PDB file of N, CA and C in Angstrom:
ATOM      1  N   MET A   1     174.021 219.501  33.277  1.00  0.00           N
ATOM      2  CA  MET A   1     173.030 218.530  33.661  1.00  0.00           C
ATOM      3  C   MET A   1     173.656 217.611  34.700  1.00  0.00           C
ATOM      4  N   GLU A   2     172.978 217.415  35.794  1.00  0.00           N
ATOM      5  CA  GLU A   2     173.474 216.560  36.866  1.00  0.00           C
ATOM      6  C   GLU A   2     172.935 215.148  36.696  1.00  0.00           C
ATOM      7  N   ILE A   3     173.818 214.188  36.855  1.00  0.00           N
ATOM      8  CA  ILE A   3     173.444 212.775  36.834  1.00  0.00           C
ATOM      9  C   ILE A   3     173.906 212.178  38.151  1.00  0.00           C
ATOM     10  N   LYS A   4     173.030 211.464  38.828  1.00  0.00           N
ATOM     11  CA  LYS A   4     173.373 210.872  40.122  1.00  0.00           C
ATOM     12  C   LYS A   4     173.408 209.346  39.993  1.00  0.00           C
ATOM     13  N   PRO A   5     174.545 208.796  39.540  1.00  0.00           N
ATOM     14  CA  PRO A   5     174.636 207.347  39.368  1.00  0.00           C
ATOM     15  C   PRO A   5     174.792 206.606  40.695  1.00  0.00           C
ATOM     16  N   SER A   6     175.253 207.292  41.717  1.00  0.00           N
ATOM     17  CA  SER A   6     175.446 206.684  43.037  1.00  0.00           C
ATOM     18  C   SER A   6     175.453 207.802  44.069  1.00  0.00           C
ATOM     19  N   ASP A   7     176.347 207.745  45.011  1.00  0.00           N
ATOM     20  CA  ASP A   7     176.418 208.755  46.061  1.00  0.00           C
ATOM     21  C   ASP A   7     176.997 210.075  45.576  1.00  0.00           C
ATOM     22  N   LYS A   8     177.791 210.038  44.525  1.00  0.00           N
ATOM     23  CA  LYS A   8     178.475 211.223  44.017  1.00  0.00           C
ATOM     24  C   LYS A   8     177.853 211.684  42.696  1.00  0.00           C
ATOM     25  N   SER A   9     177.530 212.979  42.583  1.00  0.00           N
ATOM     26  CA  SER A   9     176.957 213.520  41.344  1.00  0.00           C
ATOM     27  C   SER A   9     178.009 213.586  40.244  1.00  0.00           C
ATOM     28  N   VAL A  10     177.546 213.453  39.004  1.00  0.00           N
ATOM     29  CA  VAL A  10     178.378 213.598  37.813  1.00  0.00           C
ATOM     30  C   VAL A  10     177.733 214.702  36.984  1.00  0.00           C
ATOM     31  N   TRP A  11     178.556 215.629  36.468  1.00  0.00           N
ATOM     32  CA  TRP A  11     178.032 216.744  35.675  1.00  0.00           C
ATOM     33  C   TRP A  11     178.441 216.594  34.220  1.00  0.00           C
ATOM     34  N   VAL A  12     177.437 216.602  33.322  1.00  0.00           N
ATOM     35  CA  VAL A  12     177.647 216.445  31.885  1.00  0.00           C
ATOM     36  C   VAL A  12     177.443 217.795  31.206  1.00  0.00           C
ATOM     37  N   CYS A  13     178.356 218.158  30.296  1.00  0.00           N
ATOM     38  CA  CYS A  13     178.294 219.433  29.588  1.00  0.00           C
ATOM     39  C   CYS A  13     177.085 219.479  28.657  1.00  0.00           C
ATOM     40  N   GLN A  14     176.350 220.586  28.718  1.00  0.00           N
ATOM     41  CA  GLN A  14     175.241 220.814  27.797  1.00  0.00           C
ATOM     42  C   GLN A  14     175.463 222.045  26.924  1.00  0.00           C
ATOM     43  N   CYS A  15     176.494 222.829  27.232  1.00  0.00           N
ATOM     44  CA  CYS A  15     176.725 224.060  26.465  1.00  0.00           C
ATOM     45  C   CYS A  15     177.682 223.850  25.296  1.00  0.00           C
ATOM     46  N   GLY A  16     178.488 222.784  25.350  1.00  0.00           N
ATOM     47  CA  GLY A  16     179.444 222.514  24.281  1.00  0.00           C
ATOM     48  C   GLY A  16     180.777 223.229  24.429  1.00  0.00           C
ATOM     49  N   LEU A  17     180.995 223.932  25.524  1.00  0.00           N
ATOM     50  CA  LEU A  17     182.228 224.696  25.698  1.00  0.00           C
ATOM     51  C   LEU A  17     183.295 223.951  26.502  1.00  0.00           C
ATOM     52  N   SER A  18     182.953 222.828  27.104  1.00  0.00           N
ATOM     53  CA  SER A  18     183.896 222.089  27.943  1.00  0.00           C
ATOM     54  C   SER A  18     185.084 221.580  27.139  1.00  0.00           C
ATOM     55  N   GLN A  19     186.257 221.636  27.743  1.00  0.00           N
ATOM     56  CA  GLN A  19     187.462 221.068  27.138  1.00  0.00           C
ATOM     57  C   GLN A  19     187.645 219.619  27.587  1.00  0.00           C
ATOM     58  N   ASP A  20     186.704 219.110  28.374  1.00  0.00           N
ATOM     59  CA  ASP A  20     186.758 217.755  28.930  1.00  0.00           C
ATOM     60  C   ASP A  20     185.478 216.994  28.594  1.00  0.00           C
ATOM     61  N   MET A  21     185.022 217.122  27.337  1.00  0.00           N
ATOM     62  CA  MET A  21     183.762 216.501  26.923  1.00  0.00           C
ATOM     63  C   MET A  21     183.782 215.003  27.168  1.00  0.00           C
ATOM     64  N   PRO A  22     182.700 214.396  27.575  1.00  0.00           N
ATOM     65  CA  PRO A  22     181.377 214.991  27.759  1.00  0.00           C
ATOM     66  C   PRO A  22     181.162 215.585  29.152  1.00  0.00           C
ATOM     67  N   MET A  23     182.203 215.627  29.958  1.00  0.00           N
ATOM     68  CA  MET A  23     182.065 216.128  31.324  1.00  0.00           C
ATOM     69  C   MET A  23     182.148 217.661  31.368  1.00  0.00           C
ATOM     70  N   CYS A  24     181.425 218.254  32.288  1.00  0.00           N
ATOM     71  CA  CYS A  24     181.446 219.694  32.492  1.00  0.00           C
ATOM     72  C   CYS A  24     182.736 220.097  33.198  1.00  0.00           C
ATOM     73  N   ASP A  25     183.416 221.124  32.680  1.00  0.00           N
ATOM     74  CA  ASP A  25     184.629 221.629  33.342  1.00  0.00           C
ATOM     75  C   ASP A  25     184.437 223.064  33.843  1.00  0.00           C
ATOM     76  N   GLY A  26     183.200 223.570  33.781  1.00  0.00           N
ATOM     77  CA  GLY A  26     182.904 224.910  34.278  1.00  0.00           C
ATOM     78  C   GLY A  26     183.117 226.017  33.263  1.00  0.00           C
ATOM     79  N   SER A  27     183.437 225.676  32.015  1.00  0.00           N
ATOM     80  CA  SER A  27     183.685 226.697  30.986  1.00  0.00           C
ATOM     81  C   SER A  27     182.477 227.611  30.779  1.00  0.00           C
ATOM     82  N   HIS A  28     181.280 227.112  31.043  1.00  0.00           N
ATOM     83  CA  HIS A  28     180.066 227.904  30.842  1.00  0.00           C
ATOM     84  C   HIS A  28     180.029 229.139  31.737  1.00  0.00           C
ATOM     85  N   SER A  29     180.667 229.082  32.892  1.00  0.00           N
ATOM     86  CA  SER A  29     180.611 230.222  33.810  1.00  0.00           C
ATOM     87  C   SER A  29     181.310 231.450  33.231  1.00  0.00           C
ATOM     88  N   LYS A  30     182.408 231.258  32.503  1.00  0.00           N
ATOM     89  CA  LYS A  30     183.099 232.380  31.852  1.00  0.00           C
ATOM     90  C   LYS A  30     182.211 232.968  30.757  1.00  0.00           C
ATOM     91  N   ALA A  31     181.597 232.108  29.958  1.00  0.00           N
ATOM     92  CA  ALA A  31     180.741 232.573  28.873  1.00  0.00           C
ATOM     93  C   ALA A  31     179.510 233.281  29.419  1.00  0.00           C
ATOM     94  N   ARG A  32     178.944 232.755  30.483  1.00  0.00           N
ATOM     95  CA  ARG A  32     177.732 233.334  31.060  1.00  0.00           C
ATOM     96  C   ARG A  32     177.947 234.784  31.482  1.00  0.00           C
ATOM     97  N   LYS A  33     179.133 235.098  31.958  1.00  0.00           N
ATOM     98  CA  LYS A  33     179.430 236.461  32.405  1.00  0.00           C
ATOM     99  C   LYS A  33     179.460 237.444  31.238  1.00  0.00           C
ATOM    100  N   ASN A  34     179.804 236.970  30.042  1.00  0.00           N
ATOM    101  CA  ASN A  34     179.977 237.835  28.880  1.00  0.00           C
ATOM    102  C   ASN A  34     178.794 237.810  27.919  1.00  0.00           C
ATOM    103  N   GLU A  35     177.864 236.878  28.107  1.00  0.00           N
ATOM    104  CA  GLU A  35     176.740 236.748  27.188  1.00  0.00           C
ATOM    105  C   GLU A  35     175.524 237.523  27.698  1.00  0.00           C
ATOM    106  N   GLN A  36     174.737 238.022  26.746  1.00  0.00           N
ATOM    107  CA  GLN A  36     173.517 238.751  27.080  1.00  0.00           C
ATOM    108  C   GLN A  36     172.312 237.852  26.816  1.00  0.00           C
ATOM    109  N   GLU A  37     171.298 237.967  27.655  1.00  0.00           N
ATOM    110  CA  GLU A  37     170.072 237.204  27.463  1.00  0.00           C
ATOM    111  C   GLU A  37     169.418 237.613  26.152  1.00  0.00           C
ATOM    112  N   GLY A  38     168.851 236.632  25.437  1.00  0.00           N
ATOM    113  CA  GLY A  38     168.188 236.908  24.171  1.00  0.00           C
ATOM    114  C   GLY A  38     169.122 236.871  22.976  1.00  0.00           C
ATOM    115  N   LYS A  39     170.393 236.542  23.195  1.00  0.00           N
ATOM    116  CA  LYS A  39     171.375 236.448  22.112  1.00  0.00           C
ATOM    117  C   LYS A  39     171.870 235.012  22.000  1.00  0.00           C
ATOM    118  N   LEU A  40     172.194 234.597  20.780  1.00  0.00           N
ATOM    119  CA  LEU A  40     172.792 233.295  20.513  1.00  0.00           C
ATOM    120  C   LEU A  40     174.243 233.536  20.133  1.00  0.00           C
ATOM    121  N   TYR A  41     175.152 232.856  20.814  1.00  0.00           N
ATOM    122  CA  TYR A  41     176.578 233.033  20.574  1.00  0.00           C
ATOM    123  C   TYR A  41     177.156 231.771  19.951  1.00  0.00           C
ATOM    124  N   VAL A  42     177.931 231.943  18.879  1.00  0.00           N
ATOM    125  CA  VAL A  42     178.618 230.841  18.216  1.00  0.00           C
ATOM    126  C   VAL A  42     180.104 231.009  18.503  1.00  0.00           C
ATOM    127  N   TYR A  43     180.708 229.956  19.049  1.00  0.00           N
ATOM    128  CA  TYR A  43     182.118 229.996  19.426  1.00  0.00           C
ATOM    129  C   TYR A  43     182.989 229.297  18.393  1.00  0.00           C
ATOM    130  N   ASP A  44     184.277 229.620  18.384  1.00  0.00           N
ATOM    131  CA  ASP A  44     185.226 228.962  17.489  1.00  0.00           C
ATOM    132  C   ASP A  44     185.407 227.500  17.935  1.00  0.00           C
ATOM    133  N   LYS A  45     186.162 226.732  17.154  1.00  0.00           N
ATOM    134  CA  LYS A  45     186.345 225.309  17.450  1.00  0.00           C
ATOM    135  C   LYS A  45     187.025 225.061  18.787  1.00  0.00           C
ATOM    136  N   ALA A  46     187.819 226.001  19.240  1.00  0.00           N
ATOM    137  CA  ALA A  46     188.483 225.864  20.537  1.00  0.00           C
ATOM    138  C   ALA A  46     187.564 226.295  21.681  1.00  0.00           C
ATOM    139  N   CYS A  47     186.365 226.774  21.325  1.00  0.00           N
ATOM    140  CA  CYS A  47     185.372 227.228  22.308  1.00  0.00           C
ATOM    141  C   CYS A  47     185.911 228.341  23.191  1.00  0.00           C
ATOM    142  N   GLN A  48     186.719 229.208  22.623  1.00  0.00           N
ATOM    143  CA  GLN A  48     187.315 230.301  23.378  1.00  0.00           C
ATOM    144  C   GLN A  48     186.802 231.662  22.944  1.00  0.00           C
ATOM    145  N   ASP A  49     186.595 231.851  21.658  1.00  0.00           N
ATOM    146  CA  ASP A  49     186.223 233.165  21.139  1.00  0.00           C
ATOM    147  C   ASP A  49     184.886 233.113  20.410  1.00  0.00           C
ATOM    148  N   VAL A  50     184.091 234.166  20.583  1.00  0.00           N
ATOM    149  CA  VAL A  50     182.814 234.278  19.869  1.00  0.00           C
ATOM    150  C   VAL A  50     183.113 234.644  18.423  1.00  0.00           C
ATOM    151  N   VAL A  51     182.585 233.874  17.491  1.00  0.00           N
ATOM    152  CA  VAL A  51     182.784 234.155  16.074  1.00  0.00           C
ATOM    153  C   VAL A  51     181.526 234.728  15.428  1.00  0.00           C
ATOM    154  N   GLU A  52     180.382 234.577  16.117  1.00  0.00           N
ATOM    155  CA  GLU A  52     179.145 235.112  15.578  1.00  0.00           C
ATOM    156  C   GLU A  52     178.172 235.352  16.735  1.00  0.00           C
ATOM    157  N   GLU A  53     177.376 236.395  16.603  1.00  0.00           N
ATOM    158  CA  GLU A  53     176.364 236.737  17.600  1.00  0.00           C
ATOM    159  C   GLU A  53     175.077 237.031  16.861  1.00  0.00           C
ATOM    160  N   LYS A  54     173.972 236.387  17.282  1.00  0.00           N
ATOM    161  CA  LYS A  54     172.681 236.560  16.620  1.00  0.00           C
ATOM    162  C   LYS A  54     171.609 236.805  17.666  1.00  0.00           C
ATOM    163  N   ASP A  55     170.475 237.371  17.230  1.00  0.00           N
ATOM    164  CA  ASP A  55     169.310 237.447  18.097  1.00  0.00           C
ATOM    165  C   ASP A  55     168.746 236.043  18.226  1.00  0.00           C
ATOM    166  N   ASP A  56     168.452 235.632  19.455  1.00  0.00           N
ATOM    167  CA  ASP A  56     167.869 234.308  19.714  1.00  0.00           C
ATOM    168  C   ASP A  56     166.375 234.389  19.447  1.00  0.00           C
ATOM    169  N   VAL A  57     165.902 233.639  18.473  1.00  0.00           N
ATOM    170  CA  VAL A  57     164.483 233.677  18.120  1.00  0.00           C
ATOM    171  C   VAL A  57     163.752 232.450  18.564  1.00  0.00           C
TER     172      VAL A  57
END
């Protein structure tokens, strides 16, 4: 999510995978490459490995 408080944009994490919360660090791009549409992925506490995969309803 982009927030424009002034001249420079600020990006806030919405996926929960950032290691720099609440700021986005781009971690979602790695996950996006490996995730399939229509699936819900649950990651471990380190947000590195998928621990569960479900159909997104």
